Amino acid sequence: MARIIDLDEALPPDITVKLGGKSYRLPGDIPTPLFLRIQQATGSLGTDDDGITALADAILDLFRTRDPSLTELPLGLTQMVTLFSTVYGVQAEGEDDDPPTGRTRGTGTSSRSSRPKSRS
């Protein structure tokens, strides 16, 4: 008999976010086409006049996955722009993976010698 692997068991649970005192459920696993729309819209912010509209439409569709009756976004511009990375931990292109350490380049000492090693 063939082995059946239930991939539904590997899905992350839904996420509940609270906005303006009201709770909203978001999918733990975002449908791929919606994920790609959000990523594309996030990448076009600041370079395309329609970027904010595209992101708002995609984020509204994200909320509608669990509440199809929702007609408008329950959040402001700053919340909308940061929602995806805040809730899902996904970083936008160009964001650093490492948190700032307070050190700047060139302030430490190098363990390397300033003279090149001779090859013998």
PDB file of N, CA and C in Angstrom:
ATOM      1  N   MET A   1       0.842  -1.175   0.000  1.00  0.00           N
ATOM      2  CA  MET A   1       0.000   0.000   0.000  1.00  0.00           C
ATOM      3  C   MET A   1       0.892   1.245   0.000  1.00  0.00           C
ATOM      4  N   ALA A   2       0.497   2.252  -0.739  1.00  0.00           N
ATOM      5  CA  ALA A   2       1.270   3.490  -0.841  1.00  0.00           C
ATOM      6  C   ALA A   2       1.174   4.284   0.457  1.00  0.00           C
ATOM      7  N   ARG A   3       2.266   4.919   0.785  1.00  0.00           N
ATOM      8  CA  ARG A   3       2.311   5.755   1.982  1.00  0.00           C
ATOM      9  C   ARG A   3       1.701   7.118   1.656  1.00  0.00           C
ATOM     10  N   ILE A   4       0.832   7.596   2.508  1.00  0.00           N
ATOM     11  CA  ILE A   4       0.203   8.904   2.317  1.00  0.00           C
ATOM     12  C   ILE A   4       0.801   9.879   3.318  1.00  0.00           C
ATOM     13  N   ILE A   5       1.326  10.969   2.803  1.00  0.00           N
ATOM     14  CA  ILE A   5       1.877  12.009   3.659  1.00  0.00           C
ATOM     15  C   ILE A   5       0.908  13.184   3.625  1.00  0.00           C
ATOM     16  N   ASP A   6       0.398  13.533   4.767  1.00  0.00           N
ATOM     17  CA  ASP A   6      -0.567  14.627   4.873  1.00  0.00           C
ATOM     18  C   ASP A   6       0.190  15.947   5.038  1.00  0.00           C
ATOM     19  N   LEU A   7       0.348  16.682   3.947  1.00  0.00           N
ATOM     20  CA  LEU A   7       1.079  17.944   3.986  1.00  0.00           C
ATOM     21  C   LEU A   7       0.309  19.031   4.739  1.00  0.00           C
ATOM     22  N   ASP A   8      -0.983  18.828   4.915  1.00  0.00           N
ATOM     23  CA  ASP A   8      -1.760  19.803   5.690  1.00  0.00           C
ATOM     24  C   ASP A   8      -1.261  19.892   7.131  1.00  0.00           C
ATOM     25  N   GLU A   9      -0.684  18.804   7.628  1.00  0.00           N
ATOM     26  CA  GLU A   9      -0.165  18.807   9.002  1.00  0.00           C
ATOM     27  C   GLU A   9       1.063  19.711   9.150  1.00  0.00           C
ATOM     28  N   ALA A  10       1.742  19.994   8.042  1.00  0.00           N
ATOM     29  CA  ALA A  10       2.937  20.823   8.086  1.00  0.00           C
ATOM     30  C   ALA A  10       2.620  22.318   7.975  1.00  0.00           C
ATOM     31  N   LEU A  11       1.366  22.648   7.712  1.00  0.00           N
ATOM     32  CA  LEU A  11       0.997  24.058   7.555  1.00  0.00           C
ATOM     33  C   LEU A  11       1.071  24.793   8.882  1.00  0.00           C
ATOM     34  N   PRO A  12       1.579  26.021   8.846  1.00  0.00           N
ATOM     35  CA  PRO A  12       1.593  26.809  10.081  1.00  0.00           C
ATOM     36  C   PRO A  12       0.167  27.222  10.441  1.00  0.00           C
ATOM     37  N   PRO A  13      -0.087  27.437  11.715  1.00  0.00           N
ATOM     38  CA  PRO A  13      -1.437  27.852  12.123  1.00  0.00           C
ATOM     39  C   PRO A  13      -1.725  29.283  11.657  1.00  0.00           C
ATOM     40  N   ASP A  14      -3.007  29.619  11.592  1.00  0.00           N
ATOM     41  CA  ASP A  14      -3.390  30.983  11.264  1.00  0.00           C
ATOM     42  C   ASP A  14      -2.821  31.937  12.301  1.00  0.00           C
ATOM     43  N   ILE A  15      -2.679  33.182  11.897  1.00  0.00           N
ATOM     44  CA  ILE A  15      -2.123  34.224  12.760  1.00  0.00           C
ATOM     45  C   ILE A  15      -3.235  35.222  13.061  1.00  0.00           C
ATOM     46  N   THR A  16      -3.354  35.613  14.314  1.00  0.00           N
ATOM     47  CA  THR A  16      -4.334  36.621  14.696  1.00  0.00           C
ATOM     48  C   THR A  16      -3.599  37.925  14.956  1.00  0.00           C
ATOM     49  N   VAL A  17      -4.045  38.989  14.284  1.00  0.00           N
ATOM     50  CA  VAL A  17      -3.482  40.322  14.504  1.00  0.00           C
ATOM     51  C   VAL A  17      -4.574  41.201  15.093  1.00  0.00           C
ATOM     52  N   LYS A  18      -4.170  42.143  15.902  1.00  0.00           N
ATOM     53  CA  LYS A  18      -5.118  43.051  16.534  1.00  0.00           C
ATOM     54  C   LYS A  18      -4.873  44.454  16.005  1.00  0.00           C
ATOM     55  N   LEU A  19      -5.924  45.067  15.484  1.00  0.00           N
ATOM     56  CA  LEU A  19      -5.852  46.412  14.930  1.00  0.00           C
ATOM     57  C   LEU A  19      -7.055  47.206  15.426  1.00  0.00           C
ATOM     58  N   GLY A  20      -6.805  48.330  16.050  1.00  0.00           N
ATOM     59  CA  GLY A  20      -7.894  49.174  16.526  1.00  0.00           C
ATOM     60  C   GLY A  20      -8.843  48.463  17.477  1.00  0.00           C
ATOM     61  N   GLY A  21      -8.291  47.541  18.266  1.00  0.00           N
ATOM     62  CA  GLY A  21      -9.102  46.826  19.233  1.00  0.00           C
ATOM     63  C   GLY A  21      -9.859  45.635  18.669  1.00  0.00           C
ATOM     64  N   LYS A  22      -9.777  45.408  17.361  1.00  0.00           N
ATOM     65  CA  LYS A  22     -10.460  44.276  16.738  1.00  0.00           C
ATOM     66  C   LYS A  22      -9.430  43.241  16.272  1.00  0.00           C
ATOM     67  N   SER A  23      -9.769  41.977  16.395  1.00  0.00           N
ATOM     68  CA  SER A  23      -8.871  40.901  15.980  1.00  0.00           C
ATOM     69  C   SER A  23      -9.217  40.422  14.572  1.00  0.00           C
ATOM     70  N   TYR A  24      -8.178  40.152  13.794  1.00  0.00           N
ATOM     71  CA  TYR A  24      -8.329  39.647  12.432  1.00  0.00           C
ATOM     72  C   TYR A  24      -7.462  38.404  12.287  1.00  0.00           C
ATOM     73  N   ARG A  25      -7.991  37.397  11.597  1.00  0.00           N
ATOM     74  CA  ARG A  25      -7.218  36.187  11.317  1.00  0.00           C
ATOM     75  C   ARG A  25      -6.590  36.293   9.941  1.00  0.00           C
ATOM     76  N   LEU A  26      -5.324  35.936   9.868  1.00  0.00           N
ATOM     77  CA  LEU A  26      -4.602  35.869   8.602  1.00  0.00           C
ATOM     78  C   LEU A  26      -4.117  34.438   8.417  1.00  0.00           C
ATOM     79  N   PRO A  27      -3.983  33.998   7.174  1.00  0.00           N
ATOM     80  CA  PRO A  27      -3.529  32.619   6.959  1.00  0.00           C
ATOM     81  C   PRO A  27      -2.084  32.435   7.383  1.00  0.00           C
ATOM     82  N   GLY A  28      -1.796  31.312   8.017  1.00  0.00           N
ATOM     83  CA  GLY A  28      -0.414  30.999   8.363  1.00  0.00           C
ATOM     84  C   GLY A  28       0.393  30.685   7.115  1.00  0.00           C
ATOM     85  N   ASP A  29      -0.276  30.136   6.108  1.00  0.00           N
ATOM     86  CA  ASP A  29       0.347  29.805   4.835  1.00  0.00           C
ATOM     87  C   ASP A  29      -0.332  30.632   3.758  1.00  0.00           C
ATOM     88  N   ILE A  30       0.385  31.600   3.219  1.00  0.00           N
ATOM     89  CA  ILE A  30      -0.183  32.503   2.223  1.00  0.00           C
ATOM     90  C   ILE A  30      -0.231  31.805   0.865  1.00  0.00           C
ATOM     91  N   PRO A  31      -1.354  31.893   0.163  1.00  0.00           N
ATOM     92  CA  PRO A  31      -1.400  31.323  -1.196  1.00  0.00           C
ATOM     93  C   PRO A  31      -0.276  31.934  -2.056  1.00  0.00           C
ATOM     94  N   THR A  32       0.399  31.105  -2.812  1.00  0.00           N
ATOM     95  CA  THR A  32       1.562  31.537  -3.587  1.00  0.00           C
ATOM     96  C   THR A  32       1.281  32.734  -4.495  1.00  0.00           C
ATOM     97  N   PRO A  33       0.199  32.742  -5.278  1.00  0.00           N
ATOM     98  CA  PRO A  33      -0.034  33.914  -6.137  1.00  0.00           C
ATOM     99  C   PRO A  33      -0.174  35.213  -5.323  1.00  0.00           C
ATOM    100  N   LEU A  34      -0.803  35.135  -4.164  1.00  0.00           N
ATOM    101  CA  LEU A  34      -0.962  36.314  -3.315  1.00  0.00           C
ATOM    102  C   LEU A  34       0.388  36.746  -2.733  1.00  0.00           C
ATOM    103  N   PHE A  35       1.196  35.799  -2.310  1.00  0.00           N
ATOM    104  CA  PHE A  35       2.541  36.102  -1.812  1.00  0.00           C
ATOM    105  C   PHE A  35       3.349  36.843  -2.879  1.00  0.00           C
ATOM    106  N   LEU A  36       3.294  36.353  -4.110  1.00  0.00           N
ATOM    107  CA  LEU A  36       4.049  36.975  -5.197  1.00  0.00           C
ATOM    108  C   LEU A  36       3.544  38.386  -5.492  1.00  0.00           C
ATOM    109  N   ARG A  37       2.237  38.591  -5.428  1.00  0.00           N
ATOM    110  CA  ARG A  37       1.670  39.939  -5.630  1.00  0.00           C
ATOM    111  C   ARG A  37       2.158  40.901  -4.552  1.00  0.00           C
ATOM    112  N   ILE A  38       2.169  40.442  -3.304  1.00  0.00           N
ATOM    113  CA  ILE A  38       2.618  41.294  -2.203  1.00  0.00           C
ATOM    114  C   ILE A  38       4.100  41.627  -2.366  1.00  0.00           C
ATOM    115  N   GLN A  39       4.905  40.635  -2.702  1.00  0.00           N
ATOM    116  CA  GLN A  39       6.343  40.872  -2.903  1.00  0.00           C
ATOM    117  C   GLN A  39       6.586  41.862  -4.044  1.00  0.00           C
ATOM    118  N   GLN A  40       5.867  41.691  -5.142  1.00  0.00           N
ATOM    119  CA  GLN A  40       6.030  42.578  -6.285  1.00  0.00           C
ATOM    120  C   GLN A  40       5.597  44.004  -5.924  1.00  0.00           C
ATOM    121  N   ALA A  41       4.468  44.134  -5.245  1.00  0.00           N
ATOM    122  CA  ALA A  41       3.977  45.461  -4.857  1.00  0.00           C
ATOM    123  C   ALA A  41       4.931  46.120  -3.868  1.00  0.00           C
ATOM    124  N   THR A  42       5.468  45.349  -2.931  1.00  0.00           N
ATOM    125  CA  THR A  42       6.416  45.888  -1.956  1.00  0.00           C
ATOM    126  C   THR A  42       7.676  46.375  -2.666  1.00  0.00           C
ATOM    127  N   GLY A  43       8.122  45.635  -3.651  1.00  0.00           N
ATOM    128  CA  GLY A  43       9.319  46.010  -4.394  1.00  0.00           C
ATOM    129  C   GLY A  43       9.131  47.249  -5.252  1.00  0.00           C
ATOM    130  N   SER A  44       7.886  47.553  -5.626  1.00  0.00           N
ATOM    131  CA  SER A  44       7.648  48.711  -6.490  1.00  0.00           C
ATOM    132  C   SER A  44       7.331  49.978  -5.702  1.00  0.00           C
ATOM    133  N   LEU A  45       7.278  49.893  -4.376  1.00  0.00           N
ATOM    134  CA  LEU A  45       7.022  51.091  -3.572  1.00  0.00           C
ATOM    135  C   LEU A  45       8.134  52.107  -3.800  1.00  0.00           C
ATOM    136  N   GLY A  46       7.751  53.325  -4.056  1.00  0.00           N
ATOM    137  CA  GLY A  46       8.721  54.386  -4.265  1.00  0.00           C
ATOM    138  C   GLY A  46       9.204  54.513  -5.696  1.00  0.00           C
ATOM    139  N   THR A  47       8.963  53.491  -6.523  1.00  0.00           N
ATOM    140  CA  THR A  47       9.400  53.563  -7.913  1.00  0.00           C
ATOM    141  C   THR A  47       8.227  53.642  -8.868  1.00  0.00           C
ATOM    142  N   ASP A  48       7.041  53.337  -8.386  1.00  0.00           N
ATOM    143  CA  ASP A  48       5.854  53.269  -9.232  1.00  0.00           C
ATOM    144  C   ASP A  48       4.701  53.934  -8.496  1.00  0.00           C
ATOM    145  N   ASP A  49       4.014  54.846  -9.161  1.00  0.00           N
ATOM    146  CA  ASP A  49       2.895  55.538  -8.524  1.00  0.00           C
ATOM    147  C   ASP A  49       1.786  54.586  -8.106  1.00  0.00           C
ATOM    148  N   ASP A  50       1.673  53.474  -8.797  1.00  0.00           N
ATOM    149  CA  ASP A  50       0.621  52.511  -8.483  1.00  0.00           C
ATOM    150  C   ASP A  50       1.050  51.494  -7.432  1.00  0.00           C
ATOM    151  N   GLY A  51       2.272  51.604  -6.923  1.00  0.00           N
ATOM    152  CA  GLY A  51       2.793  50.633  -5.956  1.00  0.00           C
ATOM    153  C   GLY A  51       1.976  50.557  -4.692  1.00  0.00           C
ATOM    154  N   ILE A  52       1.587  51.690  -4.143  1.00  0.00           N
ATOM    155  CA  ILE A  52       0.813  51.697  -2.899  1.00  0.00           C
ATOM    156  C   ILE A  52      -0.564  51.094  -3.131  1.00  0.00           C
ATOM    157  N   THR A  53      -1.187  51.422  -4.270  1.00  0.00           N
ATOM    158  CA  THR A  53      -2.508  50.864  -4.590  1.00  0.00           C
ATOM    159  C   THR A  53      -2.419  49.350  -4.760  1.00  0.00           C
ATOM    160  N   ALA A  54      -1.376  48.886  -5.460  1.00  0.00           N
ATOM    161  CA  ALA A  54      -1.200  47.444  -5.662  1.00  0.00           C
ATOM    162  C   ALA A  54      -0.973  46.735  -4.334  1.00  0.00           C
ATOM    163  N   LEU A  55      -0.176  47.348  -3.457  1.00  0.00           N
ATOM    164  CA  LEU A  55       0.074  46.744  -2.146  1.00  0.00           C
ATOM    165  C   LEU A  55      -1.201  46.729  -1.317  1.00  0.00           C
ATOM    166  N   ALA A  56      -1.960  47.818  -1.330  1.00  0.00           N
ATOM    167  CA  ALA A  56      -3.219  47.876  -0.575  1.00  0.00           C
ATOM    168  C   ALA A  56      -4.190  46.805  -1.054  1.00  0.00           C
ATOM    169  N   ASP A  57      -4.302  46.616  -2.360  1.00  0.00           N
ATOM    170  CA  ASP A  57      -5.192  45.584  -2.904  1.00  0.00           C
ATOM    171  C   ASP A  57      -4.744  44.187  -2.490  1.00  0.00           C
ATOM    172  N   ALA A  58      -3.437  43.945  -2.538  1.00  0.00           N
ATOM    173  CA  ALA A  58      -2.913  42.626  -2.180  1.00  0.00           C
ATOM    174  C   ALA A  58      -3.084  42.355  -0.682  1.00  0.00           C
ATOM    175  N   ILE A  59      -2.808  43.357   0.165  1.00  0.00           N
ATOM    176  CA  ILE A  59      -2.974  43.176   1.605  1.00  0.00           C
ATOM    177  C   ILE A  59      -4.453  42.987   1.952  1.00  0.00           C
ATOM    178  N   LEU A  60      -5.347  43.722   1.286  1.00  0.00           N
ATOM    179  CA  LEU A  60      -6.786  43.524   1.502  1.00  0.00           C
ATOM    180  C   LEU A  60      -7.175  42.090   1.149  1.00  0.00           C
ATOM    181  N   ASP A  61      -6.644  41.575   0.041  1.00  0.00           N
ATOM    182  CA  ASP A  61      -6.918  40.180  -0.331  1.00  0.00           C
ATOM    183  C   ASP A  61      -6.368  39.207   0.700  1.00  0.00           C
ATOM    184  N   LEU A  62      -5.244  39.555   1.326  1.00  0.00           N
ATOM    185  CA  LEU A  62      -4.695  38.718   2.395  1.00  0.00           C
ATOM    186  C   LEU A  62      -5.687  38.645   3.563  1.00  0.00           C
ATOM    187  N   PHE A  63      -6.224  39.785   3.976  1.00  0.00           N
ATOM    188  CA  PHE A  63      -7.222  39.811   5.048  1.00  0.00           C
ATOM    189  C   PHE A  63      -8.494  39.075   4.629  1.00  0.00           C
ATOM    190  N   ARG A  64      -8.848  39.160   3.363  1.00  0.00           N
ATOM    191  CA  ARG A  64     -10.080  38.519   2.866  1.00  0.00           C
ATOM    192  C   ARG A  64      -9.980  36.996   2.814  1.00  0.00           C
ATOM    193  N   THR A  65      -8.774  36.434   2.896  1.00  0.00           N
ATOM    194  CA  THR A  65      -8.671  34.977   2.870  1.00  0.00           C
ATOM    195  C   THR A  65      -9.410  34.357   4.052  1.00  0.00           C
ATOM    196  N   ARG A  66      -9.495  35.081   5.158  1.00  0.00           N
ATOM    197  CA  ARG A  66     -10.210  34.572   6.333  1.00  0.00           C
ATOM    198  C   ARG A  66     -11.490  35.353   6.642  1.00  0.00           C
ATOM    199  N   ASP A  67     -11.665  36.536   6.025  1.00  0.00           N
ATOM    200  CA  ASP A  67     -12.865  37.343   6.228  1.00  0.00           C
ATOM    201  C   ASP A  67     -13.282  37.948   4.889  1.00  0.00           C
ATOM    202  N   PRO A  68     -13.957  37.150   4.047  1.00  0.00           N
ATOM    203  CA  PRO A  68     -14.332  37.616   2.704  1.00  0.00           C
ATOM    204  C   PRO A  68     -15.256  38.836   2.706  1.00  0.00           C
ATOM    205  N   SER A  69     -15.897  39.138   3.830  1.00  0.00           N
ATOM    206  CA  SER A  69     -16.821  40.271   3.875  1.00  0.00           C
ATOM    207  C   SER A  69     -16.097  41.611   4.051  1.00  0.00           C
ATOM    208  N   LEU A  70     -14.806  41.589   4.313  1.00  0.00           N
ATOM    209  CA  LEU A  70     -14.040  42.816   4.534  1.00  0.00           C
ATOM    210  C   LEU A  70     -14.024  43.655   3.250  1.00  0.00           C
ATOM    211  N   THR A  71     -14.360  44.943   3.379  1.00  0.00           N
ATOM    212  CA  THR A  71     -14.431  45.803   2.192  1.00  0.00           C
ATOM    213  C   THR A  71     -13.310  46.829   2.125  1.00  0.00           C
ATOM    214  N   GLU A  72     -12.648  47.100   3.250  1.00  0.00           N
ATOM    215  CA  GLU A  72     -11.523  48.031   3.241  1.00  0.00           C
ATOM    216  C   GLU A  72     -10.494  47.603   4.267  1.00  0.00           C
ATOM    217  N   LEU A  73      -9.277  48.070   4.058  1.00  0.00           N
ATOM    218  CA  LEU A  73      -8.198  47.723   4.976  1.00  0.00           C
ATOM    219  C   LEU A  73      -8.431  48.345   6.345  1.00  0.00           C
ATOM    220  N   PRO A  74      -8.236  47.550   7.401  1.00  0.00           N
ATOM    221  CA  PRO A  74      -8.423  48.072   8.752  1.00  0.00           C
ATOM    222  C   PRO A  74      -7.150  48.702   9.322  1.00  0.00           C
ATOM    223  N   LEU A  75      -6.284  49.228   8.451  1.00  0.00           N
ATOM    224  CA  LEU A  75      -5.011  49.768   8.918  1.00  0.00           C
ATOM    225  C   LEU A  75      -4.580  50.964   8.091  1.00  0.00           C
ATOM    226  N   GLY A  76      -3.631  51.717   8.644  1.00  0.00           N
ATOM    227  CA  GLY A  76      -3.099  52.893   7.972  1.00  0.00           C
ATOM    228  C   GLY A  76      -1.918  52.547   7.084  1.00  0.00           C
ATOM    229  N   LEU A  77      -1.382  53.564   6.435  1.00  0.00           N
ATOM    230  CA  LEU A  77      -0.300  53.374   5.471  1.00  0.00           C
ATOM    231  C   LEU A  77       0.939  52.744   6.098  1.00  0.00           C
ATOM    232  N   THR A  78       1.383  53.254   7.239  1.00  0.00           N
ATOM    233  CA  THR A  78       2.584  52.703   7.882  1.00  0.00           C
ATOM    234  C   THR A  78       2.369  51.249   8.268  1.00  0.00           C
ATOM    235  N   GLN A  79       1.203  50.947   8.829  1.00  0.00           N
ATOM    236  CA  GLN A  79       0.910  49.561   9.203  1.00  0.00           C
ATOM    237  C   GLN A  79       0.869  48.676   7.975  1.00  0.00           C
ATOM    238  N   MET A  80       0.285  49.168   6.887  1.00  0.00           N
ATOM    239  CA  MET A  80       0.173  48.372   5.664  1.00  0.00           C
ATOM    240  C   MET A  80       1.555  48.041   5.110  1.00  0.00           C
ATOM    241  N   VAL A  81       2.432  49.041   5.075  1.00  0.00           N
ATOM    242  CA  VAL A  81       3.758  48.838   4.498  1.00  0.00           C
ATOM    243  C   VAL A  81       4.596  47.876   5.337  1.00  0.00           C
ATOM    244  N   THR A  82       4.410  47.889   6.653  1.00  0.00           N
ATOM    245  CA  THR A  82       5.220  47.030   7.527  1.00  0.00           C
ATOM    246  C   THR A  82       4.531  45.726   7.924  1.00  0.00           C
ATOM    247  N   LEU A  83       3.255  45.576   7.614  1.00  0.00           N
ATOM    248  CA  LEU A  83       2.492  44.403   8.059  1.00  0.00           C
ATOM    249  C   LEU A  83       3.127  43.084   7.645  1.00  0.00           C
ATOM    250  N   PHE A  84       3.468  42.969   6.367  1.00  0.00           N
ATOM    251  CA  PHE A  84       3.931  41.685   5.847  1.00  0.00           C
ATOM    252  C   PHE A  84       5.195  41.217   6.552  1.00  0.00           C
ATOM    253  N   SER A  85       6.182  42.100   6.657  1.00  0.00           N
ATOM    254  CA  SER A  85       7.431  41.691   7.313  1.00  0.00           C
ATOM    255  C   SER A  85       7.241  41.526   8.816  1.00  0.00           C
ATOM    256  N   THR A  86       6.367  42.322   9.428  1.00  0.00           N
ATOM    257  CA  THR A  86       6.132  42.220  10.869  1.00  0.00           C
ATOM    258  C   THR A  86       5.426  40.918  11.222  1.00  0.00           C
ATOM    259  N   VAL A  87       4.388  40.590  10.483  1.00  0.00           N
ATOM    260  CA  VAL A  87       3.580  39.409  10.801  1.00  0.00           C
ATOM    261  C   VAL A  87       4.245  38.112  10.353  1.00  0.00           C
ATOM    262  N   TYR A  88       4.806  38.126   9.159  1.00  0.00           N
ATOM    263  CA  TYR A  88       5.357  36.887   8.607  1.00  0.00           C
ATOM    264  C   TYR A  88       6.871  36.791   8.707  1.00  0.00           C
ATOM    265  N   GLY A  89       7.528  37.864   9.162  1.00  0.00           N
ATOM    266  CA  GLY A  89       8.980  37.827   9.317  1.00  0.00           C
ATOM    267  C   GLY A  89       9.721  37.796   8.009  1.00  0.00           C
ATOM    268  N   VAL A  90       9.090  38.266   6.945  1.00  0.00           N
ATOM    269  CA  VAL A  90       9.725  38.294   5.637  1.00  0.00           C
ATOM    270  C   VAL A  90      10.311  39.669   5.441  1.00  0.00           C
ATOM    271  N   GLN A  91      11.595  39.715   5.059  1.00  0.00           N
ATOM    272  CA  GLN A  91      12.260  40.996   4.847  1.00  0.00           C
ATOM    273  C   GLN A  91      12.139  41.413   3.403  1.00  0.00           C
ATOM    274  N   ALA A  92      11.943  42.686   3.207  1.00  0.00           N
ATOM    275  CA  ALA A  92      11.898  43.231   1.854  1.00  0.00           C
ATOM    276  C   ALA A  92      13.309  43.243   1.275  1.00  0.00           C
ATOM    277  N   GLU A  93      13.399  43.298  -0.043  1.00  0.00           N
ATOM    278  CA  GLU A  93      14.703  43.351  -0.691  1.00  0.00           C
ATOM    279  C   GLU A  93      15.499  44.527  -0.184  1.00  0.00           C
ATOM    280  N   GLY A  94      16.778  44.308   0.066  1.00  0.00           N
ATOM    281  CA  GLY A  94      17.655  45.384   0.492  1.00  0.00           C
ATOM    282  C   GLY A  94      17.750  45.538   1.994  1.00  0.00           C
ATOM    283  N   GLU A  95      16.905  44.861   2.757  1.00  0.00           N
ATOM    284  CA  GLU A  95      17.004  44.950   4.215  1.00  0.00           C
ATOM    285  C   GLU A  95      18.111  44.033   4.692  1.00  0.00           C
ATOM    286  N   ASP A  96      18.818  44.441   5.726  1.00  0.00           N
ATOM    287  CA  ASP A  96      19.910  43.661   6.289  1.00  0.00           C
ATOM    288  C   ASP A  96      19.382  42.475   7.079  1.00  0.00           C
ATOM    289  N   ASP A  97      20.032  41.333   6.961  1.00  0.00           N
ATOM    290  CA  ASP A  97      19.667  40.167   7.762  1.00  0.00           C
ATOM    291  C   ASP A  97      20.152  40.319   9.191  1.00  0.00           C
ATOM    292  N   ASP A  98      21.277  41.020   9.382  1.00  0.00           N
ATOM    293  CA  ASP A  98      21.864  41.160  10.705  1.00  0.00           C
ATOM    294  C   ASP A  98      21.398  42.442  11.361  1.00  0.00           C
ATOM    295  N   PRO A  99      21.076  42.392  12.648  1.00  0.00           N
ATOM    296  CA  PRO A  99      20.692  43.621  13.329  1.00  0.00           C
ATOM    297  C   PRO A  99      21.903  44.528  13.487  1.00  0.00           C
ATOM    298  N   PRO A 100      21.669  45.838  13.593  1.00  0.00           N
ATOM    299  CA  PRO A 100      22.807  46.741  13.763  1.00  0.00           C
ATOM    300  C   PRO A 100      23.536  46.460  15.071  1.00  0.00           C
ATOM    301  N   THR A 101      24.859  46.579  15.035  1.00  0.00           N
ATOM    302  CA  THR A 101      25.655  46.288  16.229  1.00  0.00           C
ATOM    303  C   THR A 101      26.181  47.546  16.891  1.00  0.00           C
ATOM    304  N   GLY A 102      26.034  48.688  16.232  1.00  0.00           N
ATOM    305  CA  GLY A 102      26.559  49.923  16.792  1.00  0.00           C
ATOM    306  C   GLY A 102      27.978  50.198  16.341  1.00  0.00           C
ATOM    307  N   ARG A 103      28.621  49.236  15.687  1.00  0.00           N
ATOM    308  CA  ARG A 103      29.977  49.421  15.184  1.00  0.00           C
ATOM    309  C   ARG A 103      29.902  49.928  13.758  1.00  0.00           C
ATOM    310  N   THR A 104      30.848  50.747  13.398  1.00  0.00           N
ATOM    311  CA  THR A 104      30.932  51.214  12.025  1.00  0.00           C
ATOM    312  C   THR A 104      32.172  50.629  11.394  1.00  0.00           C
ATOM    313  N   ARG A 105      32.173  50.585  10.089  1.00  0.00           N
ATOM    314  CA  ARG A 105      33.326  50.038   9.376  1.00  0.00           C
ATOM    315  C   ARG A 105      34.546  50.887   9.626  1.00  0.00           C
ATOM    316  N   GLY A 106      35.686  50.213   9.735  1.00  0.00           N
ATOM    317  CA  GLY A 106      36.946  50.915   9.852  1.00  0.00           C
ATOM    318  C   GLY A 106      37.290  51.351  11.266  1.00  0.00           C
ATOM    319  N   THR A 107      36.478  51.025  12.255  1.00  0.00           N
ATOM    320  CA  THR A 107      36.774  51.452  13.617  1.00  0.00           C
ATOM    321  C   THR A 107      37.502  50.390  14.411  1.00  0.00           C
ATOM    322  N   GLY A 108      37.478  49.177  13.932  1.00  0.00           N
ATOM    323  CA  GLY A 108      38.147  48.095  14.655  1.00  0.00           C
ATOM    324  C   GLY A 108      39.532  47.860  14.097  1.00  0.00           C
ATOM    325  N   THR A 109      40.242  46.959  14.729  1.00  0.00           N
ATOM    326  CA  THR A 109      41.559  46.608  14.220  1.00  0.00           C
ATOM    327  C   THR A 109      41.437  45.313  13.457  1.00  0.00           C
ATOM    328  N   SER A 110      42.260  45.170  12.470  1.00  0.00           N
ATOM    329  CA  SER A 110      42.236  43.980  11.644  1.00  0.00           C
ATOM    330  C   SER A 110      43.237  42.973  12.183  1.00  0.00           C
ATOM    331  N   SER A 111      42.883  41.721  12.083  1.00  0.00           N
ATOM    332  CA  SER A 111      43.821  40.691  12.502  1.00  0.00           C
ATOM    333  C   SER A 111      44.790  40.358  11.378  1.00  0.00           C
ATOM    334  N   ARG A 112      44.533  40.907  10.197  1.00  0.00           N
ATOM    335  CA  ARG A 112      45.414  40.665   9.068  1.00  0.00           C
ATOM    336  C   ARG A 112      46.575  41.651   9.064  1.00  0.00           C
ATOM    337  N   SER A 113      47.696  41.172   8.635  1.00  0.00           N
ATOM    338  CA  SER A 113      48.887  42.044   8.503  1.00  0.00           C
ATOM    339  C   SER A 113      48.685  42.960   7.315  1.00  0.00           C
ATOM    340  N   SER A 114      49.213  44.171   7.402  1.00  0.00           N
ATOM    341  CA  SER A 114      49.068  45.112   6.290  1.00  0.00           C
ATOM    342  C   SER A 114      50.053  44.787   5.157  1.00  0.00           C
ATOM    343  N   ARG A 115      51.101  43.997   5.469  1.00  0.00           N
ATOM    344  CA  ARG A 115      52.060  43.619   4.427  1.00  0.00           C
ATOM    345  C   ARG A 115      51.631  42.292   3.832  1.00  0.00           C
ATOM    346  N   PRO A 116      51.698  42.198   2.521  1.00  0.00           N
ATOM    347  CA  PRO A 116      51.360  40.917   1.892  1.00  0.00           C
ATOM    348  C   PRO A 116      52.399  39.857   2.239  1.00  0.00           C
ATOM    349  N   LYS A 117      51.929  38.639   2.386  1.00  0.00           N
ATOM    350  CA  LYS A 117      52.844  37.535   2.694  1.00  0.00           C
ATOM    351  C   LYS A 117      53.600  37.149   1.437  1.00  0.00           C
ATOM    352  N   SER A 118      54.869  36.814   1.623  1.00  0.00           N
ATOM    353  CA  SER A 118      55.662  36.376   0.469  1.00  0.00           C
ATOM    354  C   SER A 118      55.352  34.921   0.195  1.00  0.00           C
ATOM    355  N   ARG A 119      55.389  34.584  -1.047  1.00  0.00           N
ATOM    356  CA  ARG A 119      55.126  33.194  -1.441  1.00  0.00           C
ATOM    357  C   ARG A 119      56.463  32.527  -1.706  1.00  0.00           C
ATOM    358  N   SER A 120      56.846  31.622  -0.885  1.00  0.00           N
ATOM    359  CA  SER A 120      58.135  30.958  -1.070  1.00  0.00           C
ATOM    360  C   SER A 120      57.936  29.537  -1.451  1.00  0.00           C
TER     361      SER A 120
END
